[in-house]
Amino acid sequence: MTTEIRQRWSWWSGVSPVGVRSGLATYSTGLAAAVARSGVGVRGIGVGQSGDNDGVSWIGVSAETRTRGRALFSLDPYIANRLKVAEHAAAVDAELDLDPDVVVIDHLMSAWALDRAETWRARTGGKIVHVSHNDEALVRTSWAAGTAVVSPRGLYLRFDGWRSARLQRRVIAAADLVTMITDADAKSIASRHESIKSVVLTPGYSGPCESLDLVATDRPRSVLLFGSLDWEAKRQNVIEVVQALDPVFAEANIDLRVVGGGADDFVAAQHGKWAATTFTGPIDDLGAEFNRNRLGLVAEPIGGGFKLKSLDYAMRGLPIVVLDGSMSGLGLSRDVHYGSAASMAQLPAAVIEAIDDPEQLDRWSAEAAKAVEGRFEWKDRGSELVETVISLSRRH
């Protein structure tokens, strides 16, 4: 039986998620596929590879992106302006010529083409949906505020933070609907945009669900720090975590494994540099990696949004220790579902206290798994987004 196509959506992801391992790509592909399974024809477009994924045809654009130098004099932030190249613009225009019903501007990086979307809407009466991954204005200005004002890097990050905030204001004002990834992001953004029409769509989960029995399992005294390293702020954060943990872990005979790709030169530079820490780069068999560790860490005060690694840990049965301020959107509580540390300086002690207590680890694992069970289904996110957009169309 053929599913009736209710609408046709053009999904602009900035960078094609095909072949990309990152939280951003996981969310984009998961939500787009969920929309497609709700009876919508979805075509994705972005710089990078082409490919089909769960009913979505991703059109990859082969193009050389702009350098920071070339993007410096734009009013758009670097993440967006770097993608504003002739090949990308031509591909977007070709998609608009197909007269979709909805244009999805996925992540702030895709808002370089906002003017094109608004021109298309004025011509066709279609709808613009902005899929936000966090409160970019807050995240990028906060990151900049942590650097020295008088340094060239500090000045640049503050300028780029201002550009990010400006573009975010524009795309939110233009969008018929904005999706948020956490309630915290929705509250933060709504405080600056009173008339916003929005819906919160936390990530879904499509990986394996496993249980853990550390009492009966002889695992190494090893801790997993999982996630992509594709953004400079994330790499900076990882180094800060490793600097806090590595000397203490070396003395306590605990291994720290940093697993994730996105910056091969960065990963290569860490080899042999640390006493207790191994940077693995991307790993194909994530199941085996999760099963060789006793704990998973979430320690990202920079970055905002929903930490997909926390959902991975909970679903795969890996007990979690969290740096306060790093857990949002999962609906878990400290001490009940995970261990916590109030500061980076206290994080090593929190891990050491828990790592040899299998009963505590089993309790966190079981309670977290119970709390997330059935709450993170992609199909629910897709159907909610489609129905919300269709309701907008009915009212206008």
Protein backbone atom coordinates (compact mmCIF):
# COMPACT_ATOMS: atom_id res chain seq x y z
CA MET A 1 0.00 0.00 0.00
CA THR A 2 1.41 3.37 -1.05
CA THR A 3 1.33 6.14 1.56
CA GLU A 4 -0.44 9.27 0.31
CA ILE A 5 1.92 12.24 0.16
CA ARG A 6 0.28 14.98 2.24
CA GLN A 7 2.82 17.71 1.51
CA ARG A 8 6.26 18.22 0.00
CA TRP A 9 8.97 19.72 2.18
CA SER A 10 12.37 21.08 1.19
CA TRP A 11 14.75 20.47 4.11
CA TRP A 12 17.80 22.76 4.17
CA SER A 13 20.42 21.31 6.50
CA GLY A 14 23.35 23.58 5.61
CA VAL A 15 25.76 20.65 5.65
CA SER A 16 24.43 17.34 4.35
CA PRO A 17 24.17 14.87 7.26
CA VAL A 18 24.96 11.92 5.00
CA GLY A 19 28.12 10.21 6.28
CA VAL A 20 28.44 12.67 9.19
CA ARG A 21 28.67 11.55 12.82
CA SER A 22 27.50 14.31 15.12
CA GLY A 23 24.63 15.15 17.39
CA LEU A 24 23.47 17.76 14.90
CA ALA A 25 23.40 15.24 12.03
CA THR A 26 21.66 12.63 14.19
CA TYR A 27 18.88 15.06 15.09
CA SER A 28 18.48 16.35 11.52
CA THR A 29 18.28 12.90 9.93
CA GLY A 30 16.05 11.54 12.69
CA LEU A 31 13.52 14.36 12.53
CA ALA A 32 13.48 14.56 8.72
CA ALA A 33 12.94 10.78 8.46
CA ALA A 34 10.17 10.93 11.06
CA VAL A 35 8.43 13.64 9.02
CA ALA A 36 8.76 11.48 5.91
CA ARG A 37 7.19 8.52 7.73
CA SER A 38 4.23 10.77 8.55
CA GLY A 39 3.31 10.91 4.86
CA VAL A 40 5.36 13.91 3.76
CA GLY A 41 7.67 13.92 0.77
CA VAL A 42 11.01 15.23 2.04
CA ARG A 43 14.00 16.31 0.00
CA GLY A 44 17.06 17.42 1.93
CA ILE A 45 19.86 19.62 0.64
CA GLY A 46 23.25 20.60 2.01
CA VAL A 47 26.93 20.85 1.20
CA GLY A 48 28.48 17.39 1.24
CA GLN A 49 27.37 13.90 0.24
CA SER A 50 24.16 12.73 -1.42
CA GLY A 51 22.23 9.70 -0.23
CA ASP A 52 18.89 8.25 0.81
CA ASN A 53 18.02 7.82 4.47
CA ASP A 54 14.73 6.38 5.74
CA GLY A 55 12.61 7.90 3.00
CA VAL A 56 14.51 11.18 2.68
CA SER A 57 16.54 11.97 -0.43
CA TRP A 58 19.51 14.11 0.58
CA ILE A 59 20.95 16.16 -2.28
CA GLY A 60 24.62 16.79 -1.63
CA VAL A 61 26.18 19.97 -3.05
CA SER A 62 29.80 19.79 -4.07
CA ALA A 63 31.30 23.16 -3.21
CA GLU A 64 34.28 24.77 -1.53
CA THR A 65 33.01 26.70 1.48
CA ARG A 66 34.15 30.21 2.34
CA THR A 67 37.11 30.78 4.62
CA ARG A 68 36.86 32.81 7.81
CA GLY A 69 38.70 35.63 6.04
CA ARG A 70 36.16 35.78 3.22
CA ALA A 71 33.27 35.61 5.71
CA LEU A 72 34.69 38.27 8.01
CA PHE A 73 32.94 41.23 6.36
CA SER A 74 29.49 39.63 6.25
CA LEU A 75 26.73 40.48 8.73
CA ASP A 76 25.95 36.76 8.95
CA PRO A 77 27.97 34.56 11.33
CA TYR A 78 30.70 32.33 9.97
CA ILE A 79 28.68 29.11 10.40
CA ALA A 80 26.11 30.47 7.92
CA ASN A 81 28.16 32.68 5.62
CA ARG A 82 30.71 29.95 4.89
CA LEU A 83 27.91 28.03 3.11
CA LYS A 84 26.77 30.98 1.00
CA VAL A 85 28.51 29.92 -2.21
CA ALA A 86 27.28 29.92 -5.81
CA GLU A 87 26.84 26.13 -6.09
CA HIS A 88 24.78 25.98 -2.91
CA ALA A 89 22.63 28.95 -3.93
CA ALA A 90 21.93 27.41 -7.35
CA ALA A 91 20.93 24.10 -5.77
CA VAL A 92 18.57 25.85 -3.31
CA ASP A 93 16.99 27.84 -6.15
CA ALA A 94 16.47 24.61 -8.12
CA GLU A 95 14.69 23.08 -5.11
CA LEU A 96 12.43 26.11 -4.78
CA ASP A 97 11.53 25.81 -8.46
CA LEU A 98 9.89 22.48 -7.53
CA ASP A 99 7.35 24.47 -5.47
CA PRO A 100 7.47 22.68 -2.11
CA ASP A 101 4.75 23.34 0.45
CA VAL A 102 7.20 23.89 3.31
CA VAL A 103 10.81 25.03 3.58
CA VAL A 104 12.72 23.85 6.65
CA ILE A 105 15.67 25.97 7.72
CA ASP A 106 17.51 23.41 9.83
CA HIS A 107 20.02 25.02 12.22
CA LEU A 108 21.18 28.63 12.08
CA MET A 109 23.83 27.67 9.52
CA SER A 110 21.07 27.26 6.92
CA ALA A 111 19.70 30.76 7.47
CA TRP A 112 22.16 32.19 4.94
CA ALA A 113 19.33 31.44 2.47
CA LEU A 114 16.57 33.12 4.51
CA ASP A 115 16.00 35.84 1.91
CA ARG A 116 15.42 33.17 -0.73
CA ALA A 117 12.90 31.41 1.50
CA GLU A 118 11.00 34.64 2.18
CA THR A 119 10.85 35.46 -1.54
CA TRP A 120 9.53 31.93 -2.24
CA ARG A 121 6.88 32.29 0.51
CA ALA A 122 5.68 35.62 -0.85
CA ARG A 123 5.24 33.96 -4.24
CA THR A 124 3.62 30.69 -3.16
CA GLY A 125 2.11 31.19 0.28
CA GLY A 126 4.15 28.28 1.63
CA LYS A 127 5.40 27.93 5.21
CA ILE A 128 8.87 28.40 6.71
CA VAL A 129 9.89 26.19 9.63
CA HIS A 130 13.08 26.87 11.57
CA VAL A 131 14.52 23.81 13.34
CA SER A 132 16.73 25.16 16.11
CA HIS A 133 19.28 22.92 17.82
CA ASN A 134 19.90 25.28 20.75
CA ASP A 135 19.67 28.96 21.62
CA GLU A 136 22.53 29.97 19.33
CA ALA A 137 22.56 33.60 20.47
CA LEU A 138 22.95 32.59 24.10
CA VAL A 139 25.47 29.82 23.45
CA ARG A 140 27.78 31.80 21.17
CA THR A 141 27.74 35.03 23.16
CA SER A 142 28.38 33.04 26.36
CA TRP A 143 31.30 31.25 24.73
CA ALA A 144 32.74 34.57 23.57
CA ALA A 145 32.33 36.05 27.05
CA GLY A 146 34.73 33.41 28.38
CA THR A 147 37.61 34.72 26.27
CA ALA A 148 39.86 37.73 26.84
CA VAL A 149 38.30 40.88 25.39
CA VAL A 150 41.62 42.38 24.31
CA SER A 151 42.76 39.33 22.35
CA PRO A 152 42.12 39.00 18.59
CA ARG A 153 40.28 35.73 19.24
CA GLY A 154 38.11 37.36 21.91
CA LEU A 155 37.22 40.25 19.64
CA TYR A 156 36.39 37.91 16.76
CA LEU A 157 34.22 35.61 18.90
CA ARG A 158 32.28 38.56 20.29
CA PHE A 159 31.70 39.89 16.78
CA ASP A 160 30.61 36.47 15.57
CA GLY A 161 28.36 36.07 18.61
CA TRP A 162 26.70 39.38 17.75
CA ARG A 163 26.25 38.20 14.16
CA SER A 164 24.74 34.92 15.38
CA ALA A 165 22.26 36.74 17.61
CA ARG A 166 21.31 39.06 14.75
CA LEU A 167 20.67 36.22 12.30
CA GLN A 168 18.77 34.22 14.90
CA ARG A 169 16.46 37.20 15.49
CA ARG A 170 15.84 37.45 11.75
CA VAL A 171 15.05 33.79 11.16
CA ILE A 172 12.81 33.51 14.23
CA ALA A 173 10.90 36.64 13.20
CA ALA A 174 10.45 35.26 9.68
CA ALA A 175 9.53 31.67 10.53
CA ASP A 176 5.93 30.51 10.69
CA LEU A 177 7.03 27.90 13.23
CA VAL A 178 10.18 27.38 15.29
CA THR A 179 11.03 24.02 16.83
CA MET A 180 13.06 23.87 20.04
CA ILE A 181 15.04 20.93 21.36
CA THR A 182 14.46 21.54 25.10
CA ASP A 183 12.03 23.42 27.32
CA ALA A 184 14.97 25.47 28.59
CA ASP A 185 15.77 26.63 25.04
CA ALA A 186 12.10 27.42 24.43
CA LYS A 187 11.92 29.56 27.56
CA SER A 188 15.20 31.33 26.78
CA ILE A 189 14.27 32.16 23.19
CA ALA A 190 10.67 33.10 24.04
CA SER A 191 11.95 35.63 26.57
CA ARG A 192 13.31 37.64 23.63
CA HIS A 193 10.58 36.81 21.07
CA GLU A 194 7.14 37.22 22.63
CA SER A 195 5.08 36.46 19.50
CA ILE A 196 6.95 33.30 18.54
CA LYS A 197 5.00 30.21 17.42
CA SER A 198 6.99 27.23 18.63
CA VAL A 199 6.92 23.56 19.55
CA VAL A 200 9.43 21.59 21.64
CA LEU A 201 10.67 18.42 19.92
CA THR A 202 13.24 16.60 22.01
CA PRO A 203 15.31 14.03 20.11
CA GLY A 204 14.11 10.54 19.41
CA TYR A 205 16.22 7.43 19.88
CA SER A 206 16.63 4.61 17.38
CA GLY A 207 19.63 2.72 18.80
CA PRO A 208 19.77 -0.41 20.95
CA CYS A 209 18.38 -0.55 24.49
CA GLU A 210 20.44 -2.59 26.91
CA SER A 211 20.52 -3.43 30.58
CA LEU A 212 23.61 -3.41 32.77
CA ASP A 213 24.68 -5.67 35.61
CA LEU A 214 27.96 -4.43 36.95
CA VAL A 215 27.80 -6.77 39.93
CA ALA A 216 28.22 -9.74 37.61
CA THR A 217 30.44 -8.07 35.05
CA ASP A 218 34.16 -7.58 35.28
CA ARG A 219 34.62 -4.31 33.42
CA PRO A 220 37.78 -2.21 33.37
CA ARG A 221 37.88 0.86 35.60
CA SER A 222 37.19 2.99 32.57
CA VAL A 223 35.07 6.09 31.93
CA LEU A 224 33.57 7.11 28.58
CA LEU A 225 33.34 10.69 27.31
CA PHE A 226 31.35 10.31 24.10
CA GLY A 227 30.48 12.88 21.44
CA SER A 228 31.56 14.70 18.31
CA LEU A 229 34.45 17.16 18.24
CA ASP A 230 33.29 19.12 15.22
CA TRP A 231 33.01 22.54 16.90
CA GLU A 232 35.86 24.52 18.45
CA ALA A 233 33.87 25.15 21.64
CA LYS A 234 33.37 21.40 22.10
CA ARG A 235 37.08 20.72 21.62
CA GLN A 236 37.92 23.44 24.13
CA ASN A 237 35.45 21.93 26.58
CA VAL A 238 36.89 18.43 26.18
CA ILE A 239 40.40 19.69 26.90
CA GLU A 240 39.16 21.41 30.06
CA VAL A 241 37.53 18.16 31.20
CA VAL A 242 40.62 16.10 30.44
CA GLN A 243 42.88 18.56 32.21
CA ALA A 244 40.73 18.24 35.33
CA LEU A 245 40.43 14.45 35.22
CA ASP A 246 43.63 13.07 33.72
CA PRO A 247 46.14 13.56 36.57
CA VAL A 248 43.66 12.39 39.21
CA PHE A 249 42.59 9.39 37.13
CA ALA A 250 46.22 8.42 36.48
CA GLU A 251 46.88 8.32 40.22
CA ALA A 252 43.65 6.38 40.86
CA ASN A 253 44.30 3.89 38.02
CA ILE A 254 41.21 4.90 36.05
CA ASP A 255 41.14 5.18 32.26
CA LEU A 256 39.32 7.97 30.42
CA ARG A 257 38.28 7.27 26.83
CA VAL A 258 37.29 10.23 24.64
CA VAL A 259 35.32 8.75 21.73
CA GLY A 260 34.15 10.79 18.75
CA GLY A 261 35.25 12.26 15.45
CA GLY A 262 34.98 15.55 13.63
CA ALA A 263 38.54 16.85 13.89
CA ASP A 264 41.19 14.31 12.91
CA ASP A 265 44.10 16.72 13.41
CA PHE A 266 42.88 17.55 16.91
CA VAL A 267 42.55 13.87 17.85
CA ALA A 268 45.99 13.07 16.42
CA ALA A 269 47.55 15.89 18.46
CA GLN A 270 46.31 14.28 21.70
CA HIS A 271 48.06 10.94 21.17
CA GLY A 272 50.68 10.33 23.85
CA LYS A 273 49.94 13.63 25.53
CA TRP A 274 47.97 12.35 28.52
CA ALA A 275 48.68 9.84 31.27
CA ALA A 276 45.24 8.26 31.68
CA THR A 277 43.31 9.52 28.65
CA THR A 278 42.93 7.98 25.20
CA PHE A 279 41.41 9.87 22.27
CA THR A 280 40.07 7.14 19.96
CA GLY A 281 38.51 9.20 17.18
CA PRO A 282 35.31 7.73 15.67
CA ILE A 283 34.56 4.09 16.45
CA ASP A 284 32.40 1.76 14.33
CA ASP A 285 31.39 -0.69 17.08
CA LEU A 286 29.83 1.64 19.63
CA GLY A 287 28.16 -1.26 21.40
CA ALA A 288 31.51 -2.78 22.30
CA GLU A 289 32.80 0.63 23.42
CA PHE A 290 29.84 1.23 25.71
CA ASN A 291 30.20 -2.25 27.17
CA ARG A 292 33.85 -1.79 28.12
CA ASN A 293 33.23 1.24 30.38
CA ARG A 294 31.72 1.52 33.84
CA LEU A 295 30.56 5.13 33.58
CA GLY A 296 29.59 7.74 31.01
CA LEU A 297 30.38 11.43 31.50
CA VAL A 298 28.28 14.45 30.54
CA ALA A 299 30.37 17.56 31.17
CA GLU A 300 29.45 20.29 28.67
CA PRO A 301 28.40 23.58 30.25
CA ILE A 302 29.18 25.19 26.87
CA GLY A 303 26.95 24.19 23.98
CA GLY A 304 23.37 24.40 25.24
CA GLY A 305 20.60 22.23 23.95
CA PHE A 306 19.94 18.55 24.50
CA LYS A 307 22.99 16.35 25.07
CA LEU A 308 22.36 13.32 22.85
CA LYS A 309 25.12 11.41 24.61
CA SER A 310 23.04 11.43 27.80
CA LEU A 311 20.20 9.67 25.96
CA ASP A 312 22.68 7.18 24.47
CA TYR A 313 24.08 6.43 27.92
CA ALA A 314 20.64 5.96 29.51
CA MET A 315 19.26 3.78 26.72
CA ARG A 316 22.37 1.61 26.59
CA GLY A 317 22.39 1.11 30.36
CA LEU A 318 25.59 3.02 31.11
CA PRO A 319 25.51 4.85 34.47
CA ILE A 320 26.08 8.59 34.18
CA VAL A 321 28.00 11.23 36.11
CA VAL A 322 27.05 14.79 35.16
CA LEU A 323 28.70 18.15 35.66
CA ASP A 324 25.94 20.46 36.92
CA GLY A 325 24.53 22.59 34.11
CA SER A 326 25.18 19.94 31.46
CA MET A 327 21.90 17.97 31.57
CA SER A 328 18.78 19.38 29.94
CA GLY A 329 15.69 17.91 28.33
CA LEU A 330 16.01 14.31 29.51
CA GLY A 331 13.81 14.68 32.57
CA LEU A 332 16.26 12.94 34.92
CA SER A 333 17.13 13.91 38.50
CA ARG A 334 20.54 13.98 40.17
CA ASP A 335 21.25 11.25 42.70
CA VAL A 336 18.17 9.30 41.53
CA HIS A 337 19.11 8.73 37.90
CA TYR A 338 22.75 9.85 37.82
CA GLY A 339 25.63 11.09 39.91
CA SER A 340 26.69 14.71 39.79
CA ALA A 341 29.44 17.20 40.53
CA ALA A 342 28.88 20.87 41.28
CA SER A 343 32.08 21.99 39.57
CA MET A 344 34.83 20.77 37.28
CA ALA A 345 37.16 20.58 40.28
CA GLN A 346 34.73 18.20 42.02
CA LEU A 347 34.15 15.99 38.98
CA PRO A 348 37.12 13.60 39.55
CA ALA A 349 36.01 12.88 43.13
CA ALA A 350 32.43 12.20 42.00
CA VAL A 351 33.68 9.60 39.52
CA ILE A 352 36.09 7.97 41.97
CA GLU A 353 33.39 7.71 44.62
CA ALA A 354 31.03 5.87 42.24
CA ILE A 355 33.23 3.75 40.00
CA ASP A 356 33.82 0.92 42.49
CA ASP A 357 30.25 0.88 43.84
CA PRO A 358 28.41 -1.57 41.56
CA GLU A 359 25.17 -1.37 43.52
CA GLN A 360 25.03 2.41 43.07
CA LEU A 361 25.93 2.13 39.41
CA ASP A 362 23.28 -0.53 38.84
CA ARG A 363 20.71 1.65 40.59
CA TRP A 364 21.47 4.70 38.43
CA SER A 365 21.43 2.56 35.30
CA ALA A 366 18.10 0.94 36.09
CA GLU A 367 16.37 4.13 37.22
CA ALA A 368 17.57 6.12 34.19
CA ALA A 369 16.49 3.38 31.77
CA LYS A 370 13.06 3.23 33.41
CA ALA A 371 12.68 7.03 33.25
CA VAL A 372 13.42 7.31 29.50
CA GLU A 373 11.57 4.19 28.36
CA GLY A 374 8.98 4.99 25.68
CA ARG A 375 9.51 8.76 25.90
CA PHE A 376 11.87 9.32 22.98
CA GLU A 377 10.19 7.96 19.84
CA TRP A 378 11.06 9.69 16.57
CA LYS A 379 7.64 8.89 15.10
CA ASP A 380 5.98 11.01 17.78
CA ARG A 381 8.21 13.97 16.93
CA GLY A 382 7.55 13.65 13.23
CA SER A 383 3.78 13.40 13.52
CA GLU A 384 3.63 16.33 15.97
CA LEU A 385 5.66 18.55 13.66
CA VAL A 386 3.62 17.65 10.58
CA GLU A 387 0.28 18.15 12.32
CA THR A 388 1.42 21.51 13.73
CA VAL A 389 2.49 22.75 10.29
CA ILE A 390 -0.73 21.51 8.65
CA SER A 391 -2.77 23.29 11.34
CA LEU A 392 -0.93 26.52 10.47
CA SER A 393 -1.85 26.05 6.83
CA ARG A 394 -5.53 25.50 7.72
CA ARG A 395 -5.68 28.73 9.72
CA HIS A 396 -4.27 30.84 6.93
